[in-house]
Amino acid sequence: IESIQNNGFHSQRCTTETQASRENCNSGGGQWFGHADNGNNNLRGI
């Protein structure tokens, strides 16, 4: 719901689920959860 109006859920790309679970991702970022462009940009990954 919060992402719909003013999306601030800026994320970091992870290599593995384990890396994500440990909150230790440093493989680049620039993606927003729930953003309408994600589908158009064919976003893939963790």
All heavy atoms as atom14 arrays in JSON, in Angstrom:
{
  "sequence": "IESIQNNGFHSQRCTTETQASRENCNSGGGQWFGHADNGNNNLRGI",
  "atom14_mask": [
    [1, 1, 1, 1, 1, 1, 1, 1, 0, 0, 0, 0, 0, 0],
    [1, 1, 1, 1, 1, 1, 1, 1, 1, 0, 0, 0, 0, 0],
    [1, 1, 1, 1, 1, 1, 0, 0, 0, 0, 0, 0, 0, 0],
    [1, 1, 1, 1, 1, 1, 1, 1, 0, 0, 0, 0, 0, 0],
    [1, 1, 1, 1, 1, 1, 1, 1, 1, 0, 0, 0, 0, 0],
    [1, 1, 1, 1, 1, 1, 1, 1, 0, 0, 0, 0, 0, 0],
    [1, 1, 1, 1, 1, 1, 1, 1, 0, 0, 0, 0, 0, 0],
    [1, 1, 1, 1, 0, 0, 0, 0, 0, 0, 0, 0, 0, 0],
    [1, 1, 1, 1, 1, 1, 1, 1, 1, 1, 1, 0, 0, 0],
    [1, 1, 1, 1, 1, 1, 1, 1, 1, 1, 0, 0, 0, 0],
    [1, 1, 1, 1, 1, 1, 0, 0, 0, 0, 0, 0, 0, 0],
    [1, 1, 1, 1, 1, 1, 1, 1, 1, 0, 0, 0, 0, 0],
    [1, 1, 1, 1, 1, 1, 1, 1, 1, 1, 1, 0, 0, 0],
    [1, 1, 1, 1, 1, 1, 0, 0, 0, 0, 0, 0, 0, 0],
    [1, 1, 1, 1, 1, 1, 1, 0, 0, 0, 0, 0, 0, 0],
    [1, 1, 1, 1, 1, 1, 1, 0, 0, 0, 0, 0, 0, 0],
    [1, 1, 1, 1, 1, 1, 1, 1, 1, 0, 0, 0, 0, 0],
    [1, 1, 1, 1, 1, 1, 1, 0, 0, 0, 0, 0, 0, 0],
    [1, 1, 1, 1, 1, 1, 1, 1, 1, 0, 0, 0, 0, 0],
    [1, 1, 1, 1, 1, 0, 0, 0, 0, 0, 0, 0, 0, 0],
    [1, 1, 1, 1, 1, 1, 0, 0, 0, 0, 0, 0, 0, 0],
    [1, 1, 1, 1, 1, 1, 1, 1, 1, 1, 1, 0, 0, 0],
    [1, 1, 1, 1, 1, 1, 1, 1, 1, 0, 0, 0, 0, 0],
    [1, 1, 1, 1, 1, 1, 1, 1, 0, 0, 0, 0, 0, 0],
    [1, 1, 1, 1, 1, 1, 0, 0, 0, 0, 0, 0, 0, 0],
    [1, 1, 1, 1, 1, 1, 1, 1, 0, 0, 0, 0, 0, 0],
    [1, 1, 1, 1, 1, 1, 0, 0, 0, 0, 0, 0, 0, 0],
    [1, 1, 1, 1, 0, 0, 0, 0, 0, 0, 0, 0, 0, 0],
    [1, 1, 1, 1, 0, 0, 0, 0, 0, 0, 0, 0, 0, 0],
    [1, 1, 1, 1, 0, 0, 0, 0, 0, 0, 0, 0, 0, 0],
    [1, 1, 1, 1, 1, 1, 1, 1, 1, 0, 0, 0, 0, 0],
    [1, 1, 1, 1, 1, 1, 1, 1, 1, 1, 1, 1, 1, 1],
    [1, 1, 1, 1, 1, 1, 1, 1, 1, 1, 1, 0, 0, 0],
    [1, 1, 1, 1, 0, 0, 0, 0, 0, 0, 0, 0, 0, 0],
    [1, 1, 1, 1, 1, 1, 1, 1, 1, 1, 0, 0, 0, 0],
    [1, 1, 1, 1, 1, 0, 0, 0, 0, 0, 0, 0, 0, 0],
    [1, 1, 1, 1, 1, 1, 1, 1, 0, 0, 0, 0, 0, 0],
    [1, 1, 1, 1, 1, 1, 1, 1, 0, 0, 0, 0, 0, 0],
    [1, 1, 1, 1, 0, 0, 0, 0, 0, 0, 0, 0, 0, 0],
    [1, 1, 1, 1, 1, 1, 1, 1, 0, 0, 0, 0, 0, 0],
    [1, 1, 1, 1, 1, 1, 1, 1, 0, 0, 0, 0, 0, 0],
    [1, 1, 1, 1, 1, 1, 1, 1, 0, 0, 0, 0, 0, 0],
    [1, 1, 1, 1, 1, 1, 1, 1, 0, 0, 0, 0, 0, 0],
    [1, 1, 1, 1, 1, 1, 1, 1, 1, 1, 1, 0, 0, 0],
    [1, 1, 1, 1, 0, 0, 0, 0, 0, 0, 0, 0, 0, 0],
    [1, 1, 1, 1, 1, 1, 1, 1, 0, 0, 0, 0, 0, 0]
  ],
  "atom14_positions": [
    [[0.84, -1.2, 0.0], [0.0, 0.0, 0.0], [0.87, 1.24, 0.0], [0.62, 2.2, -0.75], [-0.96, -0.01, 1.22], [-2.02, -1.09, 1.03], [-1.62, 1.34, 1.41], [-2.9, -1.3, 2.26], [0.0, 0.0, 0.0], [0.0, 0.0, 0.0], [0.0, 0.0, 0.0], [0.0, 0.0, 0.0], [0.0, 0.0, 0.0], [0.0, 0.0, 0.0]],
    [[1.91, 1.24, 0.83], [2.8, 2.41, 0.88], [3.54, 2.61, -0.43], [3.82, 3.74, -0.83], [3.79, 2.25, 2.03], [4.61, 3.5, 2.29], [5.5, 3.39, 3.51], [5.04, 2.85, 4.55], [6.66, 3.85, 3.44], [0.0, 0.0, 0.0], [0.0, 0.0, 0.0], [0.0, 0.0, 0.0], [0.0, 0.0, 0.0], [0.0, 0.0, 0.0]],
    [[3.84, 1.52, -1.13], [4.59, 1.64, -2.38], [3.78, 2.26, -3.52], [4.36, 2.76, -4.48], [5.08, 0.25, -2.82], [4.04, -0.52, -3.41], [0.0, 0.0, 0.0], [0.0, 0.0, 0.0], [0.0, 0.0, 0.0], [0.0, 0.0, 0.0], [0.0, 0.0, 0.0], [0.0, 0.0, 0.0], [0.0, 0.0, 0.0], [0.0, 0.0, 0.0]],
    [[2.46, 2.21, -3.41], [1.62, 2.66, -4.52], [1.75, 4.15, -4.77], [1.92, 4.61, -5.9], [0.14, 2.29, -4.27], [-0.03, 0.77, -4.27], [-0.77, 2.91, -5.33], [-1.39, 0.3, -3.76], [0.0, 0.0, 0.0], [0.0, 0.0, 0.0], [0.0, 0.0, 0.0], [0.0, 0.0, 0.0], [0.0, 0.0, 0.0], [0.0, 0.0, 0.0]],
    [[1.71, 4.94, -3.69], [1.7, 6.39, -3.84], [3.1, 6.98, -3.93], [3.38, 7.8, -4.8], [0.96, 7.03, -2.65], [-0.54, 6.95, -2.75], [-1.13, 7.98, -3.71], [-0.41, 8.66, -4.43], [-2.42, 8.1, -3.72], [0.0, 0.0, 0.0], [0.0, 0.0, 0.0], [0.0, 0.0, 0.0], [0.0, 0.0, 0.0], [0.0, 0.0, 0.0]],
    [[3.98, 6.6, -3.02], [5.29, 7.25, -2.93], [6.31, 6.18, -2.6], [6.6, 5.93, -1.44], [5.28, 8.34, -1.85], [6.52, 9.2, -1.89], [7.24, 9.24, -2.88], [6.78, 9.88, -0.8], [0.0, 0.0, 0.0], [0.0, 0.0, 0.0], [0.0, 0.0, 0.0], [0.0, 0.0, 0.0], [0.0, 0.0, 0.0], [0.0, 0.0, 0.0]],
    [[6.87, 5.55, -3.63], [7.66, 4.35, -3.42], [9.06, 4.68, -2.94], [9.86, 5.26, -3.66], [7.73, 3.56, -4.73], [8.16, 2.13, -4.5], [8.86, 1.83, -3.55], [7.73, 1.24, -5.37], [0.0, 0.0, 0.0], [0.0, 0.0, 0.0], [0.0, 0.0, 0.0], [0.0, 0.0, 0.0], [0.0, 0.0, 0.0], [0.0, 0.0, 0.0]],
    [[9.35, 4.28, -1.7], [10.68, 4.46, -1.16], [11.36, 3.16, -0.8], [12.34, 3.15, -0.06], [0.0, 0.0, 0.0], [0.0, 0.0, 0.0], [0.0, 0.0, 0.0], [0.0, 0.0, 0.0], [0.0, 0.0, 0.0], [0.0, 0.0, 0.0], [0.0, 0.0, 0.0], [0.0, 0.0, 0.0], [0.0, 0.0, 0.0], [0.0, 0.0, 0.0]],
    [[10.84, 2.03, -1.31], [11.43, 0.73, -1.0], [12.53, 0.4, -2.01], [12.41, -0.46, -2.87], [10.35, -0.35, -0.98], [9.33, -0.16, 0.1], [8.03, 0.25, -0.2], [9.67, -0.34, 1.43], [7.1, 0.44, 0.8], [8.74, -0.15, 2.45], [7.46, 0.24, 2.13], [0.0, 0.0, 0.0], [0.0, 0.0, 0.0], [0.0, 0.0, 0.0]],
    [[13.61, 1.12, -1.87], [14.76, 1.0, -2.75], [15.6, -0.19, -2.3], [15.93, -0.31, -1.12], [15.59, 2.29, -2.7], [16.65, 2.38, -3.73], [17.93, 1.97, -3.5], [16.61, 2.85, -5.0], [18.66, 2.19, -4.58], [17.89, 2.71, -5.51], [0.0, 0.0, 0.0], [0.0, 0.0, 0.0], [0.0, 0.0, 0.0], [0.0, 0.0, 0.0]],
    [[15.95, -1.09, -3.21], [16.54, -2.35, -2.82], [17.95, -2.55, -3.36], [18.39, -1.89, -4.31], [15.67, -3.5, -3.32], [15.69, -3.54, -4.74], [0.0, 0.0, 0.0], [0.0, 0.0, 0.0], [0.0, 0.0, 0.0], [0.0, 0.0, 0.0], [0.0, 0.0, 0.0], [0.0, 0.0, 0.0], [0.0, 0.0, 0.0], [0.0, 0.0, 0.0]],
    [[18.63, -3.49, -2.76], [19.93, -3.95, -3.21], [19.79, -5.35, -3.79], [19.06, -6.19, -3.26], [20.91, -4.0, -2.04], [21.32, -2.64, -1.5], [22.19, -1.89, -2.49], [23.08, -2.46, -3.12], [21.93, -0.59, -2.62], [0.0, 0.0, 0.0], [0.0, 0.0, 0.0], [0.0, 0.0, 0.0], [0.0, 0.0, 0.0], [0.0, 0.0, 0.0]],
    [[20.48, -5.59, -4.88], [20.45, -6.91, -5.5], [21.31, -7.89, -4.68], [22.38, -7.53, -4.19], [20.97, -6.84, -6.93], [20.87, -8.17, -7.69], [21.42, -8.02, -9.09], [20.57, -7.19, -9.91], [19.53, -7.63, -10.59], [19.2, -8.91, -10.54], [18.8, -6.81, -11.34], [0.0, 0.0, 0.0], [0.0, 0.0, 0.0], [0.0, 0.0, 0.0]],
    [[20.8, -9.11, -4.54], [21.5, -10.15, -3.8], [21.9, -11.27, -4.76], [21.24, -11.49, -5.78], [20.62, -10.73, -2.7], [19.85, -9.5, -1.6], [0.0, 0.0, 0.0], [0.0, 0.0, 0.0], [0.0, 0.0, 0.0], [0.0, 0.0, 0.0], [0.0, 0.0, 0.0], [0.0, 0.0, 0.0], [0.0, 0.0, 0.0], [0.0, 0.0, 0.0]],
    [[22.92, -12.0, -4.4], [23.35, -13.14, -5.21], [22.55, -14.38, -4.86], [22.2, -15.18, -5.73], [24.84, -13.41, -5.01], [25.58, -12.23, -5.33], [25.31, -14.55, -5.9], [0.0, 0.0, 0.0], [0.0, 0.0, 0.0], [0.0, 0.0, 0.0], [0.0, 0.0, 0.0], [0.0, 0.0, 0.0], [0.0, 0.0, 0.0], [0.0, 0.0, 0.0]],
    [[22.24, -14.56, -3.56], [21.53, -15.75, -3.1], [20.47, -15.38, -2.07], [20.5, -14.29, -1.5], [22.5, -16.75, -2.45], [23.05, -16.16, -1.26], [23.62, -17.13, -3.41], [0.0, 0.0, 0.0], [0.0, 0.0, 0.0], [0.0, 0.0, 0.0], [0.0, 0.0, 0.0], [0.0, 0.0, 0.0], [0.0, 0.0, 0.0], [0.0, 0.0, 0.0]],
    [[19.56, -16.33, -1.81], [18.57, -16.13, -0.75], [19.25, -16.01, 0.61], [18.81, -15.23, 1.47], [17.6, -17.32, -0.71], [16.66, -17.4, -1.89], [15.78, -18.63, -1.82], [15.31, -18.96, -0.71], [15.59, -19.28, -2.87], [0.0, 0.0, 0.0], [0.0, 0.0, 0.0], [0.0, 0.0, 0.0], [0.0, 0.0, 0.0], [0.0, 0.0, 0.0]],
    [[20.31, -16.78, 0.82], [21.03, -16.71, 2.09], [21.59, -15.32, 2.32], [21.51, -14.77, 3.43], [22.17, -17.75, 2.12], [21.62, -19.06, 1.98], [22.96, -17.66, 3.41], [0.0, 0.0, 0.0], [0.0, 0.0, 0.0], [0.0, 0.0, 0.0], [0.0, 0.0, 0.0], [0.0, 0.0, 0.0], [0.0, 0.0, 0.0], [0.0, 0.0, 0.0]],
    [[22.14, -14.73, 1.28], [22.66, -13.37, 1.38], [21.54, -12.4, 1.74], [21.7, -11.52, 2.59], [23.29, -12.97, 0.05], [24.18, -11.75, 0.11], [24.79, -11.43, -1.24], [24.06, -11.17, -2.22], [26.11, -11.47, -1.32], [0.0, 0.0, 0.0], [0.0, 0.0, 0.0], [0.0, 0.0, 0.0], [0.0, 0.0, 0.0], [0.0, 0.0, 0.0]],
    [[20.38, -12.59, 1.14], [19.23, -11.73, 1.45], [18.78, -11.92, 2.89], [18.46, -10.95, 3.58], [18.08, -12.03, 0.49], [0.0, 0.0, 0.0], [0.0, 0.0, 0.0], [0.0, 0.0, 0.0], [0.0, 0.0, 0.0], [0.0, 0.0, 0.0], [0.0, 0.0, 0.0], [0.0, 0.0, 0.0], [0.0, 0.0, 0.0], [0.0, 0.0, 0.0]],
    [[18.76, -13.17, 3.38], [18.3, -13.44, 4.73], [19.24, -12.84, 5.77], [18.82, -12.5, 6.88], [18.16, -14.94, 4.96], [19.42, -15.59, 4.97], [0.0, 0.0, 0.0], [0.0, 0.0, 0.0], [0.0, 0.0, 0.0], [0.0, 0.0, 0.0], [0.0, 0.0, 0.0], [0.0, 0.0, 0.0], [0.0, 0.0, 0.0], [0.0, 0.0, 0.0]],
    [[20.5, -12.7, 5.41], [21.48, -12.12, 6.32], [21.6, -10.61, 6.16], [22.42, -9.98, 6.82], [22.85, -12.78, 6.1], [22.87, -14.25, 6.49], [24.19, -14.91, 6.13], [24.2, -16.32, 6.55], [25.17, -17.18, 6.22], [26.21, -16.78, 5.5], [25.11, -18.44, 6.63], [0.0, 0.0, 0.0], [0.0, 0.0, 0.0], [0.0, 0.0, 0.0]],
    [[20.8, -10.06, 5.23], [20.81, -8.62, 4.96], [22.21, -8.13, 4.62], [22.67, -7.08, 5.06], [20.24, -7.84, 6.15], [18.83, -8.25, 6.52], [18.23, -7.39, 7.61], [17.95, -6.21, 7.32], [18.06, -7.9, 8.73], [0.0, 0.0, 0.0], [0.0, 0.0, 0.0], [0.0, 0.0, 0.0], [0.0, 0.0, 0.0], [0.0, 0.0, 0.0]],
    [[22.88, -8.92, 3.78], [24.26, -8.62, 3.41], [24.39, -8.63, 1.9], [25.13, -9.43, 1.32], [25.19, -9.65, 4.06], [26.66, -9.35, 3.79], [27.04, -8.2, 3.62], [27.48, -10.4, 3.74], [0.0, 0.0, 0.0], [0.0, 0.0, 0.0], [0.0, 0.0, 0.0], [0.0, 0.0, 0.0], [0.0, 0.0, 0.0], [0.0, 0.0, 0.0]],
    [[23.63, -7.76, 1.25], [23.61, -7.71, -0.21], [24.35, -6.46, -0.69], [24.07, -5.35, -0.26], [22.17, -7.69, -0.72], [21.21, -9.13, -0.2], [0.0, 0.0, 0.0], [0.0, 0.0, 0.0], [0.0, 0.0, 0.0], [0.0, 0.0, 0.0], [0.0, 0.0, 0.0], [0.0, 0.0, 0.0], [0.0, 0.0, 0.0], [0.0, 0.0, 0.0]],
    [[25.28, -6.68, -1.6], [26.06, -5.55, -2.13], [26.35, -5.73, -3.61], [27.4, -5.34, -4.1], [27.38, -5.4, -1.36], [28.18, -6.69, -1.31], [27.88, -7.63, -2.04], [29.2, -6.72, -0.47], [0.0, 0.0, 0.0], [0.0, 0.0, 0.0], [0.0, 0.0, 0.0], [0.0, 0.0, 0.0], [0.0, 0.0, 0.0], [0.0, 0.0, 0.0]],
    [[25.39, -6.36, -4.3], [25.59, -6.64, -5.73], [24.95, -5.58, -6.62], [24.57, -5.84, -7.75], [25.0, -8.01, -6.06], [25.59, -9.01, -5.27], [0.0, 0.0, 0.0], [0.0, 0.0, 0.0], [0.0, 0.0, 0.0], [0.0, 0.0, 0.0], [0.0, 0.0, 0.0], [0.0, 0.0, 0.0], [0.0, 0.0, 0.0], [0.0, 0.0, 0.0]],
    [[24.82, -4.36, -6.1], [24.2, -3.29, -6.88], [22.75, -3.11, -6.5], [22.15, -3.99, -5.91], [0.0, 0.0, 0.0], [0.0, 0.0, 0.0], [0.0, 0.0, 0.0], [0.0, 0.0, 0.0], [0.0, 0.0, 0.0], [0.0, 0.0, 0.0], [0.0, 0.0, 0.0], [0.0, 0.0, 0.0], [0.0, 0.0, 0.0], [0.0, 0.0, 0.0]],
    [[22.17, -1.96, -6.83], [20.79, -1.69, -6.44], [20.04, -0.98, -7.53], [20.18, -1.28, -8.71], [0.0, 0.0, 0.0], [0.0, 0.0, 0.0], [0.0, 0.0, 0.0], [0.0, 0.0, 0.0], [0.0, 0.0, 0.0], [0.0, 0.0, 0.0], [0.0, 0.0, 0.0], [0.0, 0.0, 0.0], [0.0, 0.0, 0.0], [0.0, 0.0, 0.0]],
    [[19.24, -0.02, -7.1], [18.51, 0.78, -8.07], [17.13, 0.26, -8.41], [16.52, 0.77, -9.34], [0.0, 0.0, 0.0], [0.0, 0.0, 0.0], [0.0, 0.0, 0.0], [0.0, 0.0, 0.0], [0.0, 0.0, 0.0], [0.0, 0.0, 0.0], [0.0, 0.0, 0.0], [0.0, 0.0, 0.0], [0.0, 0.0, 0.0], [0.0, 0.0, 0.0]],
    [[16.64, -0.77, -7.67], [15.33, -1.31, -7.96], [14.35, -0.96, -6.83], [14.73, -0.87, -5.67], [15.4, -2.83, -8.11], [16.47, -3.31, -9.07], [16.28, -2.8, -10.48], [15.16, -2.51, -10.88], [17.36, -2.69, -11.24], [0.0, 0.0, 0.0], [0.0, 0.0, 0.0], [0.0, 0.0, 0.0], [0.0, 0.0, 0.0], [0.0, 0.0, 0.0]],
    [[13.1, -0.78, -7.21], [12.05, -0.46, -6.23], [11.03, -1.59, -6.18], [10.49, -1.98, -7.23], [11.34, 0.84, -6.6], [12.07, 2.08, -6.25], [11.88, 2.88, -5.15], [13.1, 2.71, -7.01], [12.75, 3.95, -5.18], [13.5, 3.88, -6.31], [13.75, 2.39, -8.21], [14.51, 4.73, -6.77], [14.75, 3.23, -8.68], [15.12, 4.38, -7.96]],
    [[10.75, -2.08, -5.0], [9.69, -3.07, -4.87], [8.35, -2.47, -5.32], [8.03, -1.33, -4.99], [9.55, -3.54, -3.41], [8.18, -4.09, -3.11], [7.77, -5.29, -3.67], [7.28, -3.39, -2.31], [6.5, -5.79, -3.43], [6.02, -3.88, -2.05], [5.63, -5.09, -2.62], [0.0, 0.0, 0.0], [0.0, 0.0, 0.0], [0.0, 0.0, 0.0]],
    [[7.58, -3.25, -6.07], [6.23, -2.85, -6.43], [6.11, -1.76, -7.45], [5.01, -1.27, -7.71], [0.0, 0.0, 0.0], [0.0, 0.0, 0.0], [0.0, 0.0, 0.0], [0.0, 0.0, 0.0], [0.0, 0.0, 0.0], [0.0, 0.0, 0.0], [0.0, 0.0, 0.0], [0.0, 0.0, 0.0], [0.0, 0.0, 0.0], [0.0, 0.0, 0.0]],
    [[7.21, -1.36, -8.09], [7.1, -0.27, -9.05], [6.57, -0.75, -10.39], [6.9, -1.84, -10.85], [8.46, 0.41, -9.26], [8.33, 1.77, -9.88], [8.28, 1.96, -11.23], [8.2, 2.99, -9.32], [8.14, 3.24, -11.49], [8.09, 3.89, -10.35], [0.0, 0.0, 0.0], [0.0, 0.0, 0.0], [0.0, 0.0, 0.0], [0.0, 0.0, 0.0]],
    [[5.73, 0.08, -11.02], [5.07, -0.33, -12.26], [6.07, -0.61, -13.39], [5.77, -1.37, -14.31], [4.09, 0.75, -12.7], [0.0, 0.0, 0.0], [0.0, 0.0, 0.0], [0.0, 0.0, 0.0], [0.0, 0.0, 0.0], [0.0, 0.0, 0.0], [0.0, 0.0, 0.0], [0.0, 0.0, 0.0], [0.0, 0.0, 0.0], [0.0, 0.0, 0.0]],
    [[7.25, -0.01, -13.32], [8.24, -0.23, -14.38], [8.95, -1.57, -14.28], [9.63, -1.97, -15.22], [9.29, 0.88, -14.35], [8.77, 2.2, -14.91], [7.7, 2.19, -15.56], [9.42, 3.24, -14.68], [0.0, 0.0, 0.0], [0.0, 0.0, 0.0], [0.0, 0.0, 0.0], [0.0, 0.0, 0.0], [0.0, 0.0, 0.0], [0.0, 0.0, 0.0]],
    [[8.83, -2.25, -13.16], [9.56, -3.51, -12.99], [9.2, -4.52, -14.07], [10.07, -5.19, -14.63], [9.29, -4.11, -11.61], [9.92, -3.31, -10.49], [10.74, -2.44, -10.73], [9.54, -3.6, -9.26], [0.0, 0.0, 0.0], [0.0, 0.0, 0.0], [0.0, 0.0, 0.0], [0.0, 0.0, 0.0], [0.0, 0.0, 0.0], [0.0, 0.0, 0.0]],
    [[7.91, -4.64, -14.37], [7.49, -5.57, -15.41], [7.96, -5.15, -16.78], [8.42, -5.97, -17.58], [0.0, 0.0, 0.0], [0.0, 0.0, 0.0], [0.0, 0.0, 0.0], [0.0, 0.0, 0.0], [0.0, 0.0, 0.0], [0.0, 0.0, 0.0], [0.0, 0.0, 0.0], [0.0, 0.0, 0.0], [0.0, 0.0, 0.0], [0.0, 0.0, 0.0]],
    [[7.85, -3.85, -17.06], [8.28, -3.35, -18.37], [9.78, -3.53, -18.57], [10.26, -3.7, -19.69], [7.92, -1.88, -18.51], [6.42, -1.65, -18.5], [5.65, -2.51, -18.93], [6.0, -0.49, -18.01], [0.0, 0.0, 0.0], [0.0, 0.0, 0.0], [0.0, 0.0, 0.0], [0.0, 0.0, 0.0], [0.0, 0.0, 0.0], [0.0, 0.0, 0.0]],
    [[10.53, -3.49, -17.45], [11.99, -3.62, -17.52], [12.46, -5.06, -17.36], [13.68, -5.3, -17.27], [12.63, -2.75, -16.45], [12.41, -1.27, -16.7], [12.2, -0.84, -17.83], [12.45, -0.47, -15.64], [0.0, 0.0, 0.0], [0.0, 0.0, 0.0], [0.0, 0.0, 0.0], [0.0, 0.0, 0.0], [0.0, 0.0, 0.0], [0.0, 0.0, 0.0]],
    [[11.52, -6.0, -17.3], [11.86, -7.42, -17.17], [12.82, -7.68, -16.0], [13.83, -8.38, -16.13], [12.47, -7.95, -18.47], [11.49, -7.93, -19.62], [10.36, -8.37, -19.48], [11.92, -7.41, -20.77], [0.0, 0.0, 0.0], [0.0, 0.0, 0.0], [0.0, 0.0, 0.0], [0.0, 0.0, 0.0], [0.0, 0.0, 0.0], [0.0, 0.0, 0.0]],
    [[12.48, -7.11, -14.86], [13.33, -7.26, -13.68], [13.43, -8.74, -13.28], [12.45, -9.46, -13.28], [12.74, -6.45, -12.52], [13.56, -6.41, -11.23], [14.9, -5.71, -11.46], [12.77, -5.7, -10.13], [0.0, 0.0, 0.0], [0.0, 0.0, 0.0], [0.0, 0.0, 0.0], [0.0, 0.0, 0.0], [0.0, 0.0, 0.0], [0.0, 0.0, 0.0]],
    [[14.63, -9.15, -12.95], [14.88, -10.52, -12.51], [15.86, -10.51, -11.35], [16.76, -9.68, -11.3], [15.48, -11.36, -13.66], [14.6, -11.5, -14.9], [13.37, -12.33, -14.61], [12.58, -12.59, -15.81], [11.62, -11.8, -16.28], [11.34, -10.66, -15.64], [10.93, -12.11, -17.35], [0.0, 0.0, 0.0], [0.0, 0.0, 0.0], [0.0, 0.0, 0.0]],
    [[15.67, -11.43, -10.4], [16.66, -11.58, -9.36], [16.1, -11.59, -7.95], [14.89, -11.63, -7.72], [0.0, 0.0, 0.0], [0.0, 0.0, 0.0], [0.0, 0.0, 0.0], [0.0, 0.0, 0.0], [0.0, 0.0, 0.0], [0.0, 0.0, 0.0], [0.0, 0.0, 0.0], [0.0, 0.0, 0.0], [0.0, 0.0, 0.0], [0.0, 0.0, 0.0]],
    [[17.03, -11.54, -6.99], [16.73, -11.53, -5.56], [17.15, -10.19, -4.99], [18.26, -9.7, -5.29], [17.49, -12.67, -4.85], [17.08, -14.03, -5.44], [17.24, -12.65, -3.34], [17.96, -15.17, -4.97], [0.0, 0.0, 0.0], [0.0, 0.0, 0.0], [0.0, 0.0, 0.0], [0.0, 0.0, 0.0], [0.0, 0.0, 0.0], [0.0, 0.0, 0.0]]
  ]
}
